[in-house]
Each structure stands twice: as structure tokens, then as C-alpha cells.
C-alpha atoms as a PDB file:
ATOM      1  CA  MET A   1     -53.046  -2.105  -8.612  1.00  0.00           C
ATOM      2  CA  PRO A   2     -50.196  -0.058  -6.800  1.00  0.00           C
ATOM      3  CA  ARG A   3     -50.412   3.990  -6.724  1.00  0.00           C
ATOM      4  CA  LYS A   4     -47.234   3.967  -8.502  1.00  0.00           C
ATOM      5  CA  VAL A   5     -47.369   1.378 -11.088  1.00  0.00           C
ATOM      6  CA  LEU A   6     -50.917   2.810 -12.025  1.00  0.00           C
ATOM      7  CA  ARG A   7     -49.195   5.917 -12.530  1.00  0.00           C
ATOM      8  CA  HIS A   8     -46.753   4.789 -14.643  1.00  0.00           C
ATOM      9  CA  LEU A   9     -48.850   3.122 -16.715  1.00  0.00           C
ATOM     10  CA  CYS A  10     -50.749   6.431 -17.351  1.00  0.00           C
ATOM     11  CA  CYS A  11     -47.336   7.625 -18.401  1.00  0.00           C
ATOM     12  CA  ILE A  12     -47.040   5.474 -21.115  1.00  0.00           C
ATOM     13  CA  LEU A  13     -50.301   5.791 -22.593  1.00  0.00           C
ATOM     14  CA  GLY A  14     -49.709   9.382 -22.274  1.00  0.00           C
ATOM     15  CA  THR A  15     -52.129  10.753 -20.231  1.00  0.00           C
ATOM     16  CA  CYS A  16     -51.052  11.436 -17.155  1.00  0.00           C
ATOM     17  CA  THR A  17     -49.732  15.511 -15.831  1.00  0.00           C
ATOM     18  CA  ALA A  18     -47.273  16.364 -13.785  1.00  0.00           C
ATOM     19  CA  GLN A  19     -47.239  15.479  -9.982  1.00  0.00           C
ATOM     20  CA  ILE A  20     -47.301  19.184  -7.974  1.00  0.00           C
ATOM     21  CA  ILE A  21     -45.449  17.531  -4.416  1.00  0.00           C
ATOM     22  CA  GLY A  22     -43.286  19.421  -1.682  1.00  0.00           C
ATOM     23  CA  GLY A  23     -41.682  18.913   1.684  1.00  0.00           C
ATOM     24  CA  GLN A  24     -39.065  17.351   2.810  1.00  0.00           C
ATOM     25  CA  GLY A  25     -38.512  13.569   5.511  1.00  0.00           C
ATOM     26  CA  ASP A  26     -42.087  11.345   6.690  1.00  0.00           C
ATOM     27  CA  PHE A  27     -44.436  14.519   5.912  1.00  0.00           C
ATOM     28  CA  ARG A  28     -44.649  14.867   1.856  1.00  0.00           C
ATOM     29  CA  PHE A  29     -47.506  15.772  -0.105  1.00  0.00           C
ATOM     30  CA  GLU A  30     -48.995  15.525  -3.154  1.00  0.00           C
ATOM     31  CA  TYR A  31     -51.672  18.871  -4.444  1.00  0.00           C
ATOM     32  CA  VAL A  32     -54.723  17.121  -5.306  1.00  0.00           C
ATOM     33  CA  PRO A  33     -56.383  19.722  -7.443  1.00  0.00           C
ATOM     34  CA  ASP A  34     -59.925  17.837  -7.239  1.00  0.00           C
ATOM     35  CA  LYS A  35     -60.838  17.820  -4.463  1.00  0.00           C
ATOM     36  CA  LEU A  36     -62.423  20.989  -1.687  1.00  0.00           C
ATOM     37  CA  VAL A  37     -63.792  22.629  -5.071  1.00  0.00           C
ATOM     38  CA  MET A  38     -65.385  24.777  -3.800  1.00  0.00           C
ATOM     39  CA  PRO A  39     -69.818  25.030  -4.464  1.00  0.00           C
ATOM     40  CA  ALA A  40     -71.214  26.583  -7.127  1.00  0.00           C
ATOM     41  CA  GLY A  41     -72.513  30.462  -6.893  1.00  0.00           C
ATOM     42  CA  THR A  42     -69.423  30.247  -4.319  1.00  0.00           C
ATOM     43  CA  HIS A  43     -67.723  34.306  -5.101  1.00  0.00           C
ATOM     44  CA  VAL A  44     -63.884  34.005  -2.809  1.00  0.00           C
ATOM     45  CA  VAL A  45     -61.735  37.307  -1.903  1.00  0.00           C
ATOM     46  CA  HIS A  46     -60.614  36.201   1.147  1.00  0.00           C
ATOM     47  CA  SER A  47     -60.752  32.419   2.271  1.00  0.00           C
ATOM     48  CA  HIS A  48     -59.396  32.652   6.207  1.00  0.00           C
ATOM     49  CA  GLY A  49     -60.354  29.708   8.415  1.00  0.00           C
ATOM     50  CA  LEU A  50     -60.678  25.650   9.002  1.00  0.00           C
ATOM     51  CA  VAL A  51     -61.374  23.426  11.247  1.00  0.00           C
ATOM     52  CA  VAL A  52     -62.474  19.593  11.139  1.00  0.00           C
ATOM     53  CA  ASP A  53     -65.588  18.317  12.890  1.00  0.00           C
ATOM     54  CA  ASP A  54     -66.452  14.918  15.303  1.00  0.00           C
ATOM     55  CA  THR A  55     -67.110  13.155  11.325  1.00  0.00           C
ATOM     56  CA  ASN A  56     -64.177  14.476   9.840  1.00  0.00           C
ATOM     57  CA  ASN A  57     -65.862  16.924   8.403  1.00  0.00           C
ATOM     58  CA  ILE A  58     -64.186  19.802   6.483  1.00  0.00           C
ATOM     59  CA  TYR A  59     -65.339  23.576   6.683  1.00  0.00           C
ATOM     60  CA  LEU A  60     -63.752  26.445   5.630  1.00  0.00           C
ATOM     61  CA  THR A  61     -64.852  30.400   6.524  1.00  0.00           C
ATOM     62  CA  TYR A  62     -64.039  33.176   3.539  1.00  0.00           C
ATOM     63  CA  VAL A  63     -65.565  36.153   2.829  1.00  0.00           C
ATOM     64  CA  PRO A  64     -67.660  36.371  -0.096  1.00  0.00           C
ATOM     65  CA  VAL A  65     -66.617  39.047  -2.866  1.00  0.00           C
ATOM     66  CA  PRO A  66     -68.459  42.655  -2.283  1.00  0.00           C
ATOM     67  CA  ASN A  67     -71.628  43.360  -3.972  1.00  0.00           C
ATOM     68  CA  SER A  68     -71.610  39.463  -5.899  1.00  0.00           C
ATOM     69  CA  SER A  69     -74.012  37.142  -5.728  1.00  0.00           C
ATOM     70  CA  ASP A  70     -72.984  35.193  -2.647  1.00  0.00           C
ATOM     71  CA  SER A  71     -73.859  35.990   0.411  1.00  0.00           C
ATOM     72  CA  ASN A  72     -73.085  32.856   2.491  1.00  0.00           C
ATOM     73  CA  CYS A  73     -69.514  32.038   4.197  1.00  0.00           C
ATOM     74  CA  LEU A  74     -69.218  29.082   5.042  1.00  0.00           C
ATOM     75  CA  VAL A  75     -68.562  25.339   3.341  1.00  0.00           C
ATOM     76  CA  ARG A  76     -68.246  22.191   4.159  1.00  0.00           C
ATOM     77  CA  TRP A  77     -67.201  19.443   2.588  1.00  0.00           C
ATOM     78  CA  ASP A  78     -67.176  15.511   3.366  1.00  0.00           C
ATOM     79  CA  PRO A  79     -64.141  13.720   5.204  1.00  0.00           C
ATOM     80  CA  ALA A  80     -63.305  13.054   1.588  1.00  0.00           C
ATOM     81  CA  GLY A  81     -63.655  16.650   0.192  1.00  0.00           C
ATOM     82  CA  ARG A  82     -65.838  16.044  -1.950  1.00  0.00           C
ATOM     83  CA  ASN A  83     -69.631  17.239  -1.754  1.00  0.00           C
ATOM     84  CA  GLY A  84     -68.484  20.642  -1.050  1.00  0.00           C
ATOM     85  CA  VAL A  85     -71.926  22.393   0.294  1.00  0.00           C
ATOM     86  CA  VAL A  86     -72.460  25.637   1.470  1.00  0.00           C
ATOM     87  CA  LEU A  87     -74.018  26.283   4.709  1.00  0.00           C
ATOM     88  CA  GLU A  88     -77.088  29.012   3.823  1.00  0.00           C
ATOM     89  CA  ASP A  89     -77.662  29.356   8.143  1.00  0.00           C
ATOM     90  CA  GLY A  90     -74.033  31.421   7.949  1.00  0.00           C
ATOM     91  CA  LYS A  91     -75.669  33.894   5.935  1.00  0.00           C
ATOM     92  CA  ASP A  92     -76.392  35.632   9.074  1.00  0.00           C
ATOM     93  CA  ILE A  93     -72.517  36.027  10.369  1.00  0.00           C
ATOM     94  CA  SER A  94     -71.198  36.507   6.638  1.00  0.00           C
ATOM     95  CA  SER A  95     -71.453  40.418   6.606  1.00  0.00           C
ATOM     96  CA  GLY A  96     -67.571  42.340   7.422  1.00  0.00           C
ATOM     97  CA  THR A  97     -64.667  39.920   7.443  1.00  0.00           C
ATOM     98  CA  PRO A  98     -65.018  36.796   9.232  1.00  0.00           C
ATOM     99  CA  HIS A  99     -61.538  35.457   9.671  1.00  0.00           C
ATOM    100  CA  GLY A 100     -60.923  32.869  12.687  1.00  0.00           C
ATOM    101  CA  LEU A 101     -62.691  29.269  13.001  1.00  0.00           C
ATOM    102  CA  ARG A 102     -62.412  26.960  16.001  1.00  0.00           C
ATOM    103  CA  LEU A 103     -64.559  24.459  16.892  1.00  0.00           C
ATOM    104  CA  ALA A 104     -64.995  23.629  20.282  1.00  0.00           C
ATOM    105  CA  LYS A 105     -66.970  20.524  22.030  1.00  0.00           C
ATOM    106  CA  GLU A 106     -68.878  21.626  25.214  1.00  0.00           C
ATOM    107  CA  GLY A 107     -70.043  18.973  26.766  1.00  0.00           C
ATOM    108  CA  THR A 108     -71.924  16.867  24.655  1.00  0.00           C
ATOM    109  CA  GLU A 109     -72.658  19.329  21.668  1.00  0.00           C
ATOM    110  CA  THR A 110     -70.289  20.763  19.277  1.00  0.00           C
ATOM    111  CA  PHE A 111     -69.773  24.699  18.377  1.00  0.00           C
ATOM    112  CA  LEU A 112     -67.734  26.993  15.905  1.00  0.00           C
ATOM    113  CA  TYR A 113     -66.375  30.349  16.893  1.00  0.00           C
ATOM    114  CA  HIS A 114     -66.270  33.153  14.924  1.00  0.00           C
ATOM    115  CA  ALA A 115     -63.597  35.996  15.148  1.00  0.00           C
ATOM    116  CA  ASN A 116     -64.691  38.697  11.956  1.00  0.00           C
ATOM    117  CA  ASN A 117     -62.321  42.041  11.503  1.00  0.00           C
ATOM    118  CA  ASP A 118     -65.549  43.973  12.057  1.00  0.00           C
ATOM    119  CA  GLN A 119     -66.027  43.969  15.768  1.00  0.00           C
ATOM    120  CA  THR A 120     -67.469  41.342  15.926  1.00  0.00           C
ATOM    121  CA  LEU A 121     -68.037  37.440  17.631  1.00  0.00           C
ATOM    122  CA  HIS A 122     -70.266  34.923  17.122  1.00  0.00           C
ATOM    123  CA  LYS A 123     -70.800  31.396  18.452  1.00  0.00           C
ATOM    124  CA  THR A 124     -72.673  28.610  16.659  1.00  0.00           C
ATOM    125  CA  ARG A 125     -73.510  25.241  15.388  1.00  0.00           C
ATOM    126  CA  LEU A 126     -72.143  23.170  13.093  1.00  0.00           C
ATOM    127  CA  ASP A 127     -74.624  24.419  10.234  1.00  0.00           C
ATOM    128  CA  GLY A 128     -73.955  28.114  11.358  1.00  0.00           C
ATOM    129  CA  SER A 129     -77.516  29.053  12.836  1.00  0.00           C
ATOM    130  CA  VAL A 130     -76.259  31.857  15.442  1.00  0.00           C
ATOM    131  CA  ILE A 131     -76.621  31.153  18.896  1.00  0.00           C
ATOM    132  CA  TRP A 132     -74.933  34.458  20.167  1.00  0.00           C
ATOM    133  CA  THR A 133     -73.667  37.236  18.594  1.00  0.00           C
ATOM    134  CA  ILE A 134     -71.301  40.564  20.281  1.00  0.00           C
ATOM    135  CA  THR A 135     -70.417  43.199  18.569  1.00  0.00           C
ATOM    136  CA  GLY A 136     -68.070  46.231  19.405  1.00  0.00           C
ATOM    137  CA  PRO A 137     -64.654  46.670  21.953  1.00  0.00           C
ATOM    138  CA  PRO A 138     -65.527  44.248  25.103  1.00  0.00           C
ATOM    139  CA  SER A 139     -65.181  47.741  27.574  1.00  0.00           C
ATOM    140  CA  PRO A 140     -65.796  51.597  27.491  1.00  0.00           C
ATOM    141  CA  ASP A 141     -61.573  51.195  28.384  1.00  0.00           C
ATOM    142  CA  PRO A 142     -59.484  53.599  25.543  1.00  0.00           C
ATOM    143  CA  ARG A 143     -57.179  50.638  24.771  1.00  0.00           C
ATOM    144  CA  PHE A 144     -59.536  48.369  23.279  1.00  0.00           C
ATOM    145  CA  LYS A 145     -61.435  51.296  20.736  1.00  0.00           C
ATOM    146  CA  SER A 146     -59.496  49.787  18.665  1.00  0.00           C
ATOM    147  CA  ASN A 147     -60.931  46.648  17.454  1.00  0.00           C
ATOM    148  CA  LYS A 148     -60.567  43.805  15.068  1.00  0.00           C
ATOM    149  CA  PRO A 149     -60.774  40.641  16.406  1.00  0.00           C
ATOM    150  CA  THR A 150     -58.645  37.755  14.701  1.00  0.00           C
ATOM    151  CA  TRP A 151     -59.608  34.701  16.144  1.00  0.00           C
ATOM    152  CA  PHE A 152     -60.434  32.366  19.262  1.00  0.00           C
ATOM    153  CA  ALA A 153     -58.970  29.620  21.406  1.00  0.00           C
ATOM    154  CA  THR A 154     -61.461  27.018  22.946  1.00  0.00           C
ATOM    155  CA  PRO A 155     -59.090  25.299  25.771  1.00  0.00           C
ATOM    156  CA  PRO A 156     -60.961  21.587  26.490  1.00  0.00           C
ATOM    157  CA  GLY A 157     -63.109  21.746  29.880  1.00  0.00           C
ATOM    158  CA  SER A 158     -62.967  25.238  29.792  1.00  0.00           C
ATOM    159  CA  ASP A 159     -65.439  28.051  30.766  1.00  0.00           C
ATOM    160  CA  PHE A 160     -63.544  30.433  28.805  1.00  0.00           C
ATOM    161  CA  VAL A 161     -63.159  30.915  25.561  1.00  0.00           C
ATOM    162  CA  TYR A 162     -59.928  33.570  24.708  1.00  0.00           C
ATOM    163  CA  MET A 163     -60.471  36.042  21.475  1.00  0.00           C
ATOM    164  CA  ALA A 164     -57.314  37.399  20.166  1.00  0.00           C
ATOM    165  CA  ASP A 165     -57.842  40.937  18.658  1.00  0.00           C
ATOM    166  CA  GLY A 166     -55.663  40.534  16.710  1.00  0.00           C
ATOM    167  CA  TYR A 167     -55.927  43.564  14.005  1.00  0.00           C
ATOM    168  CA  GLY A 168     -57.005  46.071  16.336  1.00  0.00           C
ATOM    169  CA  SER A 169     -55.627  46.358  20.387  1.00  0.00           C
ATOM    170  CA  ASN A 170     -53.362  43.451  20.217  1.00  0.00           C
ATOM    171  CA  TYR A 171     -55.323  42.433  23.721  1.00  0.00           C
ATOM    172  CA  ILE A 172     -56.039  38.819  23.994  1.00  0.00           C
ATOM    173  CA  HIS A 173     -59.559  39.370  26.478  1.00  0.00           C
ATOM    174  CA  VAL A 174     -61.540  36.545  27.919  1.00  0.00           C
ATOM    175  CA  TYR A 175     -65.440  36.253  27.431  1.00  0.00           C
ATOM    176  CA  THR A 176     -66.978  32.928  28.762  1.00  0.00           C
ATOM    177  CA  THR A 177     -68.667  30.023  26.748  1.00  0.00           C
ATOM    178  CA  ASN A 178     -72.065  32.004  27.183  1.00  0.00           C
ATOM    179  CA  GLY A 179     -70.375  35.504  25.114  1.00  0.00           C
ATOM    180  CA  THR A 180     -69.839  37.294  28.707  1.00  0.00           C
ATOM    181  CA  TYR A 181     -66.924  38.871  28.862  1.00  0.00           C
ATOM    182  CA  THR A 182     -64.913  38.624  32.452  1.00  0.00           C
ATOM    183  CA  GLY A 183     -63.222  41.753  32.795  1.00  0.00           C
ATOM    184  CA  ASN A 184     -59.698  40.094  31.916  1.00  0.00           C
ATOM    185  CA  SER A 185     -57.609  40.993  29.207  1.00  0.00           C
ATOM    186  CA  PHE A 186     -54.097  41.213  28.413  1.00  0.00           C
ATOM    187  CA  GLY A 187     -51.252  41.977  26.346  1.00  0.00           C
ATOM    188  CA  GLY A 188     -50.738  45.155  24.552  1.00  0.00           C
ATOM    189  CA  ARG A 189     -48.941  45.939  21.435  1.00  0.00           C
ATOM    190  CA  GLY A 190     -44.836  46.039  21.762  1.00  0.00           C
ATOM    191  CA  THR A 191     -41.873  44.038  21.126  1.00  0.00           C
ATOM    192  CA  SER A 192     -41.315  42.644  24.936  1.00  0.00           C
ATOM    193  CA  ASP A 193     -42.689  39.229  26.135  1.00  0.00           C
ATOM    194  CA  GLY A 194     -46.568  39.073  26.402  1.00  0.00           C
ATOM    195  CA  LEU A 195     -46.655  41.668  24.211  1.00  0.00           C
ATOM    196  CA  PHE A 196     -47.934  41.841  20.704  1.00  0.00           C
ATOM    197  CA  SER A 197     -47.498  43.048  17.035  1.00  0.00           C
ATOM    198  CA  THR A 198     -50.461  41.089  14.946  1.00  0.00           C
ATOM    199  CA  CYS A 199     -51.122  38.304  18.053  1.00  0.00           C
ATOM    200  CA  HIS A 200     -53.523  36.606  14.824  1.00  0.00           C
ATOM    201  CA  SER A 201     -54.064  33.472  16.274  1.00  0.00           C
ATOM    202  CA  ILE A 202     -54.932  31.922  19.933  1.00  0.00           C
ATOM    203  CA  ASN A 203     -54.886  28.364  20.173  1.00  0.00           C
ATOM    204  CA  TYR A 204     -54.894  25.738  22.896  1.00  0.00           C
ATOM    205  CA  ASP A 205     -51.523  23.476  22.519  1.00  0.00           C
ATOM    206  CA  PRO A 206     -52.454  19.602  24.566  1.00  0.00           C
ATOM    207  CA  ARG A 207     -48.906  18.778  24.281  1.00  0.00           C
ATOM    208  CA  GLN A 208     -47.942  21.415  26.355  1.00  0.00           C
ATOM    209  CA  LYS A 209     -51.743  22.452  27.992  1.00  0.00           C
ATOM    210  CA  LYS A 210     -50.645  25.644  27.778  1.00  0.00           C
ATOM    211  CA  LEU A 211     -52.278  28.447  25.057  1.00  0.00           C
ATOM    212  CA  VAL A 212     -50.281  29.706  22.636  1.00  0.00           C
ATOM    213  CA  VAL A 213     -50.329  33.060  20.328  1.00  0.00           C
ATOM    214  CA  SER A 214     -49.240  33.356  16.779  1.00  0.00           C
ATOM    215  CA  ASP A 215     -47.448  36.983  17.028  1.00  0.00           C
ATOM    216  CA  ARG A 216     -47.358  37.691  13.237  1.00  0.00           C
ATOM    217  CA  GLU A 217     -45.420  40.472  13.111  1.00  0.00           C
ATOM    218  CA  ASN A 218     -43.429  39.466  15.899  1.00  0.00           C
ATOM    219  CA  HIS A 219     -41.892  36.496  14.052  1.00  0.00           C
ATOM    220  CA  ARG A 220     -42.820  34.500  17.135  1.00  0.00           C
ATOM    221  CA  HIS A 221     -45.169  32.267  18.965  1.00  0.00           C
ATOM    222  CA  GLN A 222     -45.681  33.118  22.447  1.00  0.00           C
ATOM    223  CA  TYR A 223     -47.192  30.004  25.452  1.00  0.00           C
ATOM    224  CA  PHE A 224     -49.161  31.208  28.422  1.00  0.00           C
ATOM    225  CA  ASN A 225     -50.193  29.477  31.380  1.00  0.00           C
ATOM    226  CA  PHE A 226     -53.876  29.505  31.847  1.00  0.00           C
ATOM    227  CA  ASP A 227     -56.325  28.077  34.193  1.00  0.00           C
ATOM    228  CA  SER A 228     -59.620  26.491  32.965  1.00  0.00           C
ATOM    229  CA  SER A 229     -61.416  27.808  36.198  1.00  0.00           C
ATOM    230  CA  SER A 230     -60.059  30.870  36.409  1.00  0.00           C
ATOM    231  CA  ALA A 231     -60.449  34.018  33.596  1.00  0.00           C
ATOM    232  CA  ALA A 232     -57.518  35.895  35.550  1.00  0.00           C
ATOM    233  CA  VAL A 233     -54.792  33.528  35.477  1.00  0.00           C
ATOM    234  CA  PHE A 234     -52.535  34.173  31.902  1.00  0.00           C
ATOM    235  CA  SER A 235     -48.935  34.426  32.320  1.00  0.00           C
ATOM    236  CA  HIS A 236     -46.609  34.841  29.540  1.00  0.00           C
ATOM    237  CA  ASP A 237     -44.374  31.033  29.682  1.00  0.00           C
ATOM    238  CA  SER A 238     -42.558  30.848  26.964  1.00  0.00           C
ATOM    239  CA  ASN A 239     -41.480  31.943  23.255  1.00  0.00           C
ATOM    240  CA  PHE A 240     -40.353  30.567  19.428  1.00  0.00           C
ATOM    241  CA  GLU A 241     -39.666  31.011  16.249  1.00  0.00           C
ATOM    242  CA  ASN A 242     -38.417  29.794  12.858  1.00  0.00           C
ATOM    243  CA  LYS A 243     -36.791  31.843  10.529  1.00  0.00           C
ATOM    244  CA  GLU A 244     -38.598  29.633   7.671  1.00  0.00           C
ATOM    245  CA  LEU A 245     -41.983  31.201   8.966  1.00  0.00           C
ATOM    246  CA  GLN A 246     -41.298  34.502   9.246  1.00  0.00           C
ATOM    247  CA  ARG A 247     -45.063  35.595   9.705  1.00  0.00           C
ATOM    248  CA  PRO A 248     -47.271  33.085  11.306  1.00  0.00           C
ATOM    249  CA  CYS A 249     -50.665  32.992  10.992  1.00  0.00           C
ATOM    250  CA  ASN A 250     -52.175  30.267  13.293  1.00  0.00           C
ATOM    251  CA  ILE A 251     -50.739  26.929  14.868  1.00  0.00           C
ATOM    252  CA  ARG A 252     -53.063  23.834  14.971  1.00  0.00           C
ATOM    253  CA  PHE A 253     -52.346  20.206  16.499  1.00  0.00           C
ATOM    254  CA  ASP A 254     -55.683  18.101  15.937  1.00  0.00           C
ATOM    255  CA  PHE A 255     -55.074  14.835  14.115  1.00  0.00           C
ATOM    256  CA  GLY A 256     -50.978  15.708  14.067  1.00  0.00           C
ATOM    257  CA  ASN A 257     -50.194  12.656  16.479  1.00  0.00           C
ATOM    258  CA  GLY A 258     -47.654  15.440  18.679  1.00  0.00           C
ATOM    259  CA  TYR A 259     -46.769  17.583  15.165  1.00  0.00           C
ATOM    260  CA  ALA A 260     -48.008  21.110  14.580  1.00  0.00           C
ATOM    261  CA  VAL A 261     -48.646  22.593  11.691  1.00  0.00           C
ATOM    262  CA  VAL A 262     -47.765  26.391  11.036  1.00  0.00           C
ATOM    263  CA  PRO A 263     -49.325  28.754   8.166  1.00  0.00           C
ATOM    264  CA  ALA A 264     -46.970  31.695   7.240  1.00  0.00           C
ATOM    265  CA  LEU A 265     -48.432  34.259   4.801  1.00  0.00           C
ATOM    266  CA  GLU A 266     -45.450  34.912   2.906  1.00  0.00           C
ATOM    267  CA  GLY A 267     -45.904  31.402   1.050  1.00  0.00           C
ATOM    268  CA  PRO A 268     -44.949  28.732   2.846  1.00  0.00           C
ATOM    269  CA  VAL A 269     -46.469  26.224   5.398  1.00  0.00           C
ATOM    270  CA  GLY A 270     -43.790  24.019   8.041  1.00  0.00           C
ATOM    271  CA  ILE A 271     -44.807  20.777   9.585  1.00  0.00           C
ATOM    272  CA  LEU A 272     -43.495  21.203  13.095  1.00  0.00           C
ATOM    273  CA  ASP A 273     -41.946  18.617  16.161  1.00  0.00           C
ATOM    274  CA  GLU A 274     -43.093  18.112  19.523  1.00  0.00           C
ATOM    275  CA  ASN A 275     -40.248  20.225  19.981  1.00  0.00           C
ATOM    276  CA  ASN A 276     -41.624  22.938  17.773  1.00  0.00           C
ATOM    277  CA  GLN A 277     -38.601  22.463  15.712  1.00  0.00           C
ATOM    278  CA  LEU A 278     -39.071  22.724  11.345  1.00  0.00           C
ATOM    279  CA  VAL A 279     -39.158  19.089  10.323  1.00  0.00           C
ATOM    280  CA  SER A 280     -41.187  19.888   6.792  1.00  0.00           C
ATOM    281  CA  LEU A 281     -41.401  22.868   4.577  1.00  0.00           C
ATOM    282  CA  LEU A 282     -44.094  23.264   2.019  1.00  0.00           C
ATOM    283  CA  ASP A 283     -43.620  25.747  -0.273  1.00  0.00           C
ATOM    284  CA  VAL A 284     -47.314  26.426  -1.226  1.00  0.00           C
ATOM    285  CA  ALA A 285     -46.784  29.739  -2.703  1.00  0.00           C
ATOM    286  CA  GLY A 286     -43.475  27.956  -4.994  1.00  0.00           C
ATOM    287  CA  LEU A 287     -45.631  25.528  -6.081  1.00  0.00           C
ATOM    288  CA  LEU A 288     -49.148  26.337  -6.611  1.00  0.00           C
ATOM    289  CA  GLY A 289     -48.594  30.631  -6.994  1.00  0.00           C
ATOM    290  CA  ASP A 290     -49.673  30.504 -10.570  1.00  0.00           C
ATOM    291  CA  LYS A 291     -53.008  29.074  -9.787  1.00  0.00           C
ATOM    292  CA  GLY A 292     -53.503  32.174  -7.136  1.00  0.00           C
ATOM    293  CA  HIS A 293     -52.337  30.091  -3.735  1.00  0.00           C
ATOM    294  CA  LEU A 294     -50.369  33.003  -2.495  1.00  0.00           C
ATOM    295  CA  HIS A 295     -50.692  33.853   1.353  1.00  0.00           C
ATOM    296  CA  PRO A 296     -51.144  30.672   3.707  1.00  0.00           C
ATOM    297  CA  HIS A 297     -53.223  32.037   6.187  1.00  0.00           C
ATOM    298  CA  ASP A 298     -54.847  28.658   8.015  1.00  0.00           C
ATOM    299  CA  ALA A 299     -53.657  25.302   7.236  1.00  0.00           C
ATOM    300  CA  THR A 300     -55.274  21.375   9.251  1.00  0.00           C
ATOM    301  CA  PHE A 301     -54.192  18.161   9.367  1.00  0.00           C
ATOM    302  CA  LEU A 302     -57.034  15.867   8.499  1.00  0.00           C
ATOM    303  CA  PRO A 303     -57.395  12.316  10.730  1.00  0.00           C
ATOM    304  CA  ASN A 304     -55.473  10.377   7.612  1.00  0.00           C
ATOM    305  CA  GLY A 305     -52.290  12.778   7.917  1.00  0.00           C
ATOM    306  CA  ASP A 306     -53.173  14.702   4.796  1.00  0.00           C
ATOM    307  CA  LEU A 307     -53.229  18.630   4.831  1.00  0.00           C
ATOM    308  CA  VAL A 308     -56.122  21.236   4.234  1.00  0.00           C
ATOM    309  CA  VAL A 309     -54.155  25.200   2.993  1.00  0.00           C
ATOM    310  CA  CYS A 310     -56.694  28.407   2.371  1.00  0.00           C
ATOM    311  CA  THR A 311     -54.512  31.280   0.998  1.00  0.00           C
ATOM    312  CA  TRP A 312     -55.605  34.192   2.089  1.00  0.00           C
ATOM    313  CA  ASN A 313     -55.839  36.801  -0.998  1.00  0.00           C
ATOM    314  CA  PRO A 314     -57.438  35.733  -3.466  1.00  0.00           C
ATOM    315  CA  GLY A 315     -58.456  32.865  -1.607  1.00  0.00           C
ATOM    316  CA  ARG A 316     -57.949  29.423  -2.562  1.00  0.00           C
ATOM    317  CA  ILE A 317     -57.814  26.000  -1.182  1.00  0.00           C
ATOM    318  CA  SER A 318     -56.422  23.541  -1.522  1.00  0.00           C
ATOM    319  CA  TYR A 319     -55.996  19.501  -0.564  1.00  0.00           C
ATOM    320  CA  TRP A 320     -52.646  18.091  -0.425  1.00  0.00           C
ATOM    321  CA  ARG A 321     -52.289  14.421   0.407  1.00  0.00           C
ATOM    322  CA  ARG A 322     -49.334  12.450   2.414  1.00  0.00           C
ATOM    323  CA  LEU A 323     -47.184  10.521   0.614  1.00  0.00           C
ATOM    324  CA  PRO A 324     -45.978   6.786   2.047  1.00  0.00           C
ATOM    325  CA  LYS A 325     -42.587   6.953   1.776  1.00  0.00           C
ATOM    326  CA  GLU A 326     -42.341   4.527  -1.011  1.00  0.00           C
ATOM    327  CA  GLU A 327     -44.167   7.186  -2.812  1.00  0.00           C
ATOM    328  CA  THR A 328     -41.825   9.674  -2.121  1.00  0.00           C
ATOM    329  CA  LEU A 329     -39.665   8.943  -5.382  1.00  0.00           C
ATOM    330  CA  GLN A 330     -41.962   8.706  -8.371  1.00  0.00           C
ATOM    331  CA  ILE A 331     -41.062   7.219 -11.887  1.00  0.00           C
END
């Protein structure tokens, strides 16, 4: 039976509930409350980072409530957004403030890179088991003394990963995939091109083949040229802004088919076209604020076109089903 006919029948029988729908144009989404349910025993204060692995499982990194019975920070759901499980091996990375999460394919293996605000970086397997951990600033350079890492970029085919120290020095530090600091750092605090005011996230844009920094408190994204074989190359290319997304936390491209998704801390999630123009705005805080979904911190497309959003404080996660055109008007 077609979905809209079934929904109409349910309403006739008096069993329907109000839909929560947001977005515009080709990117309209319906909130699905029975997906991405947190596993029993988790106590979440902040939800921070999302990734989707090669088999379409969904991962969330979160901060557990201090002094609670929860000593974990990593959850995985199946591709349908169900059967959530706590990854117990992630206990070793749950101290401090687990923050940004990035997936990396290196040869035949897939890894997770974790940035922790407590001066800590981790590389793990998908189950959360630790490969290496780094603590403290990358060097004694006084410019890097304030060290509160927020996110990694993991460009494909590169020997290097790029770490944004967004809550600390506002530098981008370059490490090898083995965790060795290359001696190369770029940026610093400021408003000019190439400088940052909370370089909250850095990611690889496969459309532009450049690195892009979510420069949150400068209300913009900045593009940089880089060289996968040289850690010394990191040059400013261009900027873009979206006035509807004032505090961008991240930008993701996976499964977007040329589109990007940007969560903004003040409440919305935006869908951008290949020219980074806004084509849809999902008002997460306006639609789900009464349920605590107030400050979008990360968001990702799924392979089926659906959307996942996690919010910072209080920590929440939500599943949004993309509506086919014929379903955007409901009875």
C-alpha cells in the first residue's frame, strides 16, 4: 500500500500522529522518532560527531554525563538506524571531552580519527580499540600552548591528516597517519583570509579537491590547497558564507551526490549545492527544540538519501527520512 494512502487510512482510524517535516524543494525530510534510539545504559551530556562506515553502519561519539554509570563514548547503529550498541572498546577514549569524529580509508583498512578537547588525539579501529594516542600540543611552541582539538581531516590517498585546534590555538596542525607531528602548522587567530576564529572542523571536499575549514565564529568556510605528498603545502584559496548558517560546525559530503550538509550551532541544518548555495534549510531547533534538539553539531547524509543530525547540548541524535516529491504534500 502506498505510504501516503496508509497514512490517510491511519488518520481515518484515529491512530495517526502529527508528522514533523522540514526543508524545502527536493530536500524535505520527515523526522523518524523510533530510529537512532540510544542504547540502554547511556547517559549523554553532549552529542558531537557522526560517521558512516563502508557497510553503512552509523556511528556517534558523545560525552557521557560526569560521575554517571556510563563510561563509554561510542555507539553504532545498523544501516536502518536500529539495534544501537555501545562499543565497549571505546572506553579507553571516553575520558576528557570526545569531540570530532572522522572516518579514514587507508589501504584495505578503515579507521576512526578522534579529536578530544582535553589535549588528546586518538586513532582507533571501528570498534574503538586504540591504535595510537597523542596528548598535549604538537610542540613546545608558545603559539600552540592553548590546545583543545576539535576535528580531523583525512584526505584520501594522503600520508597526512590535518587537525583543527578549534577551541585552542586556532591552528591547523599536520600529522602523519602514524601520529607523528610533521612540524607544519597553519593559521592562528584572526579574521583575515587564512586565519580563524574557532576553526571548528576541517574536511576534504571531493568536489573541489581541496580542504575546507568550518571557521565558525568568523561565520564562514575557508578553502585551502594542499598536497597529499607534502605536509608543507597549505595555501588559502577562497571563502564562502551562508547567511542562514551563522555558526557552521562542520561540512560533510559523503553520499551527497554533489551536495553538502552543514549543521549550524544556532539551530538549523543546511543543504548546499555544488556551488555552496543553500537549497534547503532544516530548522532542527524549531521543529525538535521541545525535545531538546537545540544546537546541531554534526550531520551526515546516508546512502539512501536520508539525514542524521546530532546536537550538542543537551546531547541528542535524530533520523530524518528524505521525502520523495510525491510525498511532500500530505493529507
